[in-house]
Structure formats: structure tokens, C-alpha cells
């Protein structure tokens, strides 16, 4: 067996796997990630909030959220929360506010 006969199938499977993981990150169910982002926007507790913008790509998800961390309509704040995987395309999601 030559090196080409081994490397080509391995490369093909690897690239197909990366493509599938990227598609899952973009088109898969993101309700848990959205809830996590909303919790970050509310300071770790439940509060009235609304997602006004959503951006999804294979490496991250970004949400613009209008939240009322104190529960009053007077204290509404708009923030961007970005969620990324702990590993490049796999692992748990980690959400942080952006400045």
C-alpha cells in the first residue's frame, strides 16, 4: 500500500467529520445555549429578557439580549453574549458578555 492510498481516505473522513460538526453547530438545536446566554445576561438568575439578534456560525453563537436584571422596566440593558465551544468544534458551550 502506498502513502496516497492511506492518506486520502483518512483526509476525506477527517474533512467530512469537521463539516458535520460545523453544520451541527450552525443548524442544530440551540435552545440550551440560548438559555445559557440569557442566564449570563441576567447575571446568573432569571429576569425578563428578549433576544433581539442571533448570529450562528460553526465556531460560535452571539446573542444581543435586552435584559432587566433587577426585574424593573427602568433598568433595561442591552448586551451581547457570545457563546463558544470549550474545544474548537466540540465540548460544552461557554457564554460570556462582550464589551
N, C-alpha and C. Protein backbone atom coordinates (compact mmCIF):
# COMPACT_ATOMS: atom_id res chain seq x y z
N UNK A 1 0.82 -1.18 0.00
CA UNK A 1 0.00 0.00 0.00
C UNK A 1 0.87 1.25 0.00
N UNK A 2 0.52 2.19 -0.86
CA UNK A 2 1.30 3.43 -0.89
C UNK A 2 0.72 4.44 0.10
N UNK A 3 1.46 5.49 0.35
CA UNK A 3 1.04 6.52 1.29
C UNK A 3 -0.24 7.21 0.81
N UNK A 4 -0.38 7.40 -0.51
CA UNK A 4 -1.57 8.06 -1.05
C UNK A 4 -2.83 7.25 -0.76
N UNK A 5 -2.72 5.93 -0.82
CA UNK A 5 -3.88 5.08 -0.58
C UNK A 5 -4.33 5.12 0.87
N UNK A 6 -3.47 5.50 1.77
CA UNK A 6 -3.82 5.60 3.19
C UNK A 6 -4.23 7.02 3.55
N UNK A 7 -3.50 8.00 3.07
CA UNK A 7 -3.73 9.39 3.46
C UNK A 7 -5.02 9.95 2.88
N UNK A 8 -5.33 9.64 1.64
CA UNK A 8 -6.54 10.19 1.01
C UNK A 8 -7.83 9.80 1.74
N UNK A 9 -8.06 8.53 2.05
CA UNK A 9 -9.29 8.21 2.79
C UNK A 9 -9.34 8.82 4.19
N UNK A 10 -8.20 8.86 4.87
CA UNK A 10 -8.17 9.46 6.20
C UNK A 10 -8.49 10.95 6.13
N UNK A 11 -7.91 11.63 5.16
CA UNK A 11 -8.17 13.06 4.97
C UNK A 11 -9.64 13.31 4.63
N UNK A 12 -10.20 12.47 3.77
CA UNK A 12 -11.60 12.62 3.39
C UNK A 12 -12.52 12.45 4.59
N UNK A 13 -12.30 11.42 5.39
CA UNK A 13 -13.13 11.18 6.57
C UNK A 13 -12.97 12.32 7.58
N UNK A 14 -11.76 12.79 7.78
CA UNK A 14 -11.50 13.89 8.70
C UNK A 14 -12.23 15.16 8.26
N UNK A 15 -12.15 15.51 6.98
CA UNK A 15 -12.81 16.71 6.48
C UNK A 15 -14.34 16.59 6.53
N UNK A 16 -14.86 15.40 6.25
CA UNK A 16 -16.31 15.19 6.37
C UNK A 16 -16.76 15.32 7.81
N UNK A 17 -15.98 14.81 8.74
CA UNK A 17 -16.31 14.93 10.17
C UNK A 17 -16.32 16.38 10.62
N UNK A 18 -15.32 17.15 10.20
CA UNK A 18 -15.27 18.58 10.55
C UNK A 18 -16.47 19.31 9.96
N UNK A 19 -16.85 18.97 8.74
CA UNK A 19 -18.00 19.60 8.10
C UNK A 19 -19.29 19.29 8.86
N UNK A 20 -19.47 18.05 9.26
CA UNK A 20 -20.67 17.66 10.01
C UNK A 20 -20.72 18.39 11.35
N UNK A 21 -19.61 18.47 12.06
CA UNK A 21 -19.59 19.19 13.33
C UNK A 21 -19.94 20.67 13.14
N UNK A 22 -19.42 21.28 12.09
CA UNK A 22 -19.75 22.67 11.80
C UNK A 22 -21.23 22.85 11.50
N UNK A 23 -21.79 21.94 10.72
CA UNK A 23 -23.22 22.02 10.39
C UNK A 23 -24.09 21.85 11.64
N UNK A 24 -23.69 20.96 12.53
CA UNK A 24 -24.43 20.76 13.78
C UNK A 24 -24.40 22.05 14.61
N UNK A 25 -23.24 22.70 14.67
CA UNK A 25 -23.13 23.94 15.45
C UNK A 25 -23.99 25.06 14.87
N UNK A 26 -24.18 25.08 13.56
CA UNK A 26 -24.96 26.14 12.93
C UNK A 26 -26.45 25.80 12.89
N UNK A 27 -26.79 24.59 12.50
CA UNK A 27 -28.20 24.24 12.26
C UNK A 27 -28.82 23.37 13.35
N UNK A 28 -28.05 22.93 14.32
CA UNK A 28 -28.57 22.07 15.38
C UNK A 28 -29.43 22.85 16.36
N UNK A 29 -30.07 22.13 17.26
CA UNK A 29 -30.91 22.73 18.28
C UNK A 29 -30.04 23.55 19.23
N UNK A 30 -30.40 24.80 19.45
CA UNK A 30 -29.59 25.68 20.27
C UNK A 30 -30.35 26.24 21.47
N UNK A 31 -31.44 25.59 21.85
CA UNK A 31 -32.23 26.09 22.98
C UNK A 31 -31.44 26.16 24.27
N UNK A 32 -30.62 25.14 24.55
CA UNK A 32 -29.82 25.14 25.78
C UNK A 32 -28.79 26.27 25.77
N UNK A 33 -28.19 26.51 24.61
CA UNK A 33 -27.20 27.59 24.50
C UNK A 33 -27.89 28.94 24.69
N UNK A 34 -29.05 29.09 24.10
CA UNK A 34 -29.81 30.34 24.23
C UNK A 34 -30.18 30.60 25.69
N UNK A 35 -30.62 29.57 26.40
CA UNK A 35 -30.96 29.71 27.82
C UNK A 35 -29.73 30.08 28.64
N UNK A 36 -28.60 29.48 28.31
CA UNK A 36 -27.35 29.80 29.00
C UNK A 36 -26.96 31.26 28.74
N UNK A 37 -27.11 31.73 27.51
CA UNK A 37 -26.80 33.12 27.18
C UNK A 37 -27.73 34.08 27.92
N UNK A 38 -29.01 33.72 28.01
CA UNK A 38 -29.97 34.57 28.72
C UNK A 38 -29.64 34.63 30.21
N UNK A 39 -29.20 33.51 30.78
CA UNK A 39 -28.82 33.50 32.19
C UNK A 39 -27.59 34.38 32.42
N UNK A 40 -26.64 34.37 31.50
CA UNK A 40 -25.46 35.23 31.62
C UNK A 40 -25.89 36.70 31.55
N UNK A 41 -26.81 37.01 30.65
CA UNK A 41 -27.29 38.39 30.51
C UNK A 41 -28.01 38.86 31.77
N UNK A 42 -28.61 37.95 32.49
CA UNK A 42 -29.35 38.29 33.71
C UNK A 42 -28.51 38.13 34.97
N UNK A 43 -27.23 37.94 34.81
CA UNK A 43 -26.36 37.82 35.98
C UNK A 43 -26.50 36.50 36.72
N UNK A 44 -26.85 35.44 36.02
CA UNK A 44 -26.94 34.12 36.63
C UNK A 44 -28.29 33.77 37.24
N UNK A 45 -29.24 34.67 37.15
CA UNK A 45 -30.58 34.39 37.67
C UNK A 45 -31.60 34.67 36.58
N UNK A 46 -32.84 34.34 36.84
CA UNK A 46 -33.89 34.60 35.85
C UNK A 46 -34.32 36.06 35.93
N UNK A 47 -34.55 36.64 34.76
CA UNK A 47 -35.07 38.00 34.70
C UNK A 47 -35.77 38.17 33.36
N UNK A 48 -36.61 39.19 33.24
CA UNK A 48 -37.24 39.44 31.94
C UNK A 48 -36.17 39.79 30.91
N UNK A 49 -36.23 39.13 29.75
CA UNK A 49 -35.25 39.42 28.70
C UNK A 49 -35.84 39.07 27.35
N UNK A 50 -35.19 39.61 26.33
CA UNK A 50 -35.62 39.33 24.96
C UNK A 50 -34.39 39.30 24.07
N UNK A 51 -34.28 38.26 23.25
CA UNK A 51 -33.19 38.15 22.29
C UNK A 51 -33.58 38.99 21.08
N UNK A 52 -32.76 39.98 20.74
CA UNK A 52 -33.07 40.85 19.62
C UNK A 52 -32.23 40.53 18.38
N UNK A 53 -31.14 39.80 18.56
CA UNK A 53 -30.31 39.41 17.42
C UNK A 53 -29.63 38.10 17.74
N UNK A 54 -29.52 37.25 16.72
CA UNK A 54 -28.87 35.95 16.87
C UNK A 54 -27.95 35.75 15.68
N UNK A 55 -26.72 35.37 15.95
CA UNK A 55 -25.76 35.07 14.90
C UNK A 55 -25.11 33.73 15.22
N UNK A 56 -25.19 32.81 14.27
CA UNK A 56 -24.62 31.48 14.48
C UNK A 56 -23.63 31.17 13.37
N UNK A 57 -22.47 30.65 13.75
CA UNK A 57 -21.50 30.17 12.78
C UNK A 57 -20.87 28.89 13.36
N UNK A 58 -20.05 28.19 12.62
CA UNK A 58 -19.53 26.92 13.13
C UNK A 58 -18.72 27.03 14.42
N UNK A 59 -18.16 28.19 14.72
CA UNK A 59 -17.29 28.31 15.88
C UNK A 59 -17.93 29.01 17.08
N UNK A 60 -19.01 29.76 16.88
CA UNK A 60 -19.60 30.50 17.99
C UNK A 60 -21.05 30.87 17.70
N UNK A 61 -21.71 31.36 18.74
CA UNK A 61 -23.05 31.92 18.63
C UNK A 61 -23.06 33.22 19.41
N UNK A 62 -23.63 34.27 18.83
CA UNK A 62 -23.71 35.56 19.51
C UNK A 62 -25.17 35.98 19.62
N UNK A 63 -25.51 36.54 20.76
CA UNK A 63 -26.88 36.98 21.02
C UNK A 63 -26.83 38.42 21.51
N UNK A 64 -27.68 39.29 20.97
CA UNK A 64 -27.94 40.59 21.56
C UNK A 64 -29.18 40.41 22.40
N UNK A 65 -29.08 40.72 23.67
CA UNK A 65 -30.18 40.47 24.61
C UNK A 65 -30.50 41.76 25.36
N UNK A 66 -31.77 42.11 25.37
CA UNK A 66 -32.26 43.21 26.20
C UNK A 66 -32.77 42.55 27.47
N UNK A 67 -32.11 42.87 28.59
CA UNK A 67 -32.46 42.22 29.85
C UNK A 67 -32.77 43.26 30.91
N UNK A 68 -33.56 42.84 31.87
CA UNK A 68 -33.89 43.66 33.03
C UNK A 68 -33.39 42.93 34.27
N UNK A 69 -32.08 43.01 34.55
CA UNK A 69 -31.51 42.22 35.63
C UNK A 69 -32.15 42.45 36.99
N UNK A 70 -32.68 43.63 37.22
CA UNK A 70 -33.32 43.92 38.51
C UNK A 70 -34.83 43.69 38.47
N UNK A 71 -35.36 43.26 37.32
CA UNK A 71 -36.78 42.99 37.20
C UNK A 71 -37.64 44.22 36.95
N UNK A 72 -37.03 45.38 36.79
CA UNK A 72 -37.82 46.60 36.55
C UNK A 72 -37.61 47.06 35.12
N UNK A 73 -38.63 47.62 34.53
CA UNK A 73 -38.55 48.10 33.15
C UNK A 73 -37.60 49.29 33.02
N UNK A 74 -37.35 49.97 34.11
CA UNK A 74 -36.47 51.14 34.06
C UNK A 74 -35.00 50.74 33.93
N UNK A 75 -34.67 49.54 34.33
CA UNK A 75 -33.28 49.12 34.34
C UNK A 75 -32.90 48.21 33.20
N UNK A 76 -33.50 48.39 32.03
CA UNK A 76 -33.18 47.54 30.89
C UNK A 76 -31.79 47.85 30.36
N UNK A 77 -31.06 46.78 30.06
CA UNK A 77 -29.75 46.93 29.45
C UNK A 77 -29.68 46.02 28.23
N UNK A 78 -28.94 46.47 27.23
CA UNK A 78 -28.73 45.66 26.03
C UNK A 78 -27.28 45.21 26.05
N UNK A 79 -27.07 43.91 25.89
CA UNK A 79 -25.71 43.40 25.88
C UNK A 79 -25.57 42.30 24.84
N UNK A 80 -24.35 42.08 24.45
CA UNK A 80 -24.03 41.00 23.53
C UNK A 80 -23.39 39.87 24.33
N UNK A 81 -23.92 38.69 24.17
CA UNK A 81 -23.37 37.50 24.82
C UNK A 81 -22.86 36.58 23.73
N UNK A 82 -21.61 36.18 23.83
CA UNK A 82 -21.00 35.28 22.84
C UNK A 82 -20.75 33.94 23.50
N UNK A 83 -21.19 32.88 22.82
CA UNK A 83 -21.01 31.52 23.31
C UNK A 83 -20.10 30.76 22.36
N UNK A 84 -19.09 30.11 22.90
CA UNK A 84 -18.16 29.30 22.11
C UNK A 84 -18.02 27.94 22.76
N UNK A 85 -17.63 26.96 21.97
CA UNK A 85 -17.38 25.62 22.50
C UNK A 85 -16.07 25.63 23.29
N UNK A 86 -15.99 24.77 24.30
CA UNK A 86 -14.77 24.70 25.09
C UNK A 86 -13.61 24.15 24.28
N UNK A 87 -13.91 23.31 23.32
CA UNK A 87 -12.92 22.85 22.35
C UNK A 87 -13.37 23.45 21.02
N UNK A 88 -12.60 23.38 19.99
CA UNK A 88 -12.90 24.14 18.77
C UNK A 88 -14.30 23.85 18.21
N UNK A 89 -14.66 22.63 17.93
CA UNK A 89 -15.98 22.32 17.37
C UNK A 89 -16.80 21.40 18.27
N UNK A 90 -16.24 20.99 19.40
CA UNK A 90 -16.94 20.06 20.28
C UNK A 90 -16.83 20.55 21.72
N UNK A 91 -17.51 19.91 22.61
CA UNK A 91 -17.45 20.26 24.02
C UNK A 91 -18.65 21.09 24.44
N UNK A 92 -18.66 21.45 25.70
CA UNK A 92 -19.74 22.27 26.24
C UNK A 92 -19.61 23.70 25.74
N UNK A 93 -20.72 24.42 25.83
CA UNK A 93 -20.74 25.83 25.44
C UNK A 93 -20.37 26.68 26.65
N UNK A 94 -19.58 27.73 26.41
CA UNK A 94 -19.21 28.70 27.44
C UNK A 94 -19.64 30.08 26.95
N UNK A 95 -20.49 30.74 27.70
CA UNK A 95 -21.03 32.04 27.30
C UNK A 95 -20.45 33.16 28.16
N UNK A 96 -20.07 34.25 27.52
CA UNK A 96 -19.50 35.41 28.18
C UNK A 96 -20.09 36.68 27.56
N UNK A 97 -20.26 37.72 28.35
CA UNK A 97 -20.69 39.01 27.80
C UNK A 97 -19.53 39.64 27.06
N UNK A 98 -19.85 40.38 26.01
CA UNK A 98 -18.85 41.08 25.20
C UNK A 98 -18.93 42.56 25.50
N UNK A 99 -17.81 43.23 25.39
CA UNK A 99 -17.79 44.68 25.63
C UNK A 99 -17.79 45.42 24.34
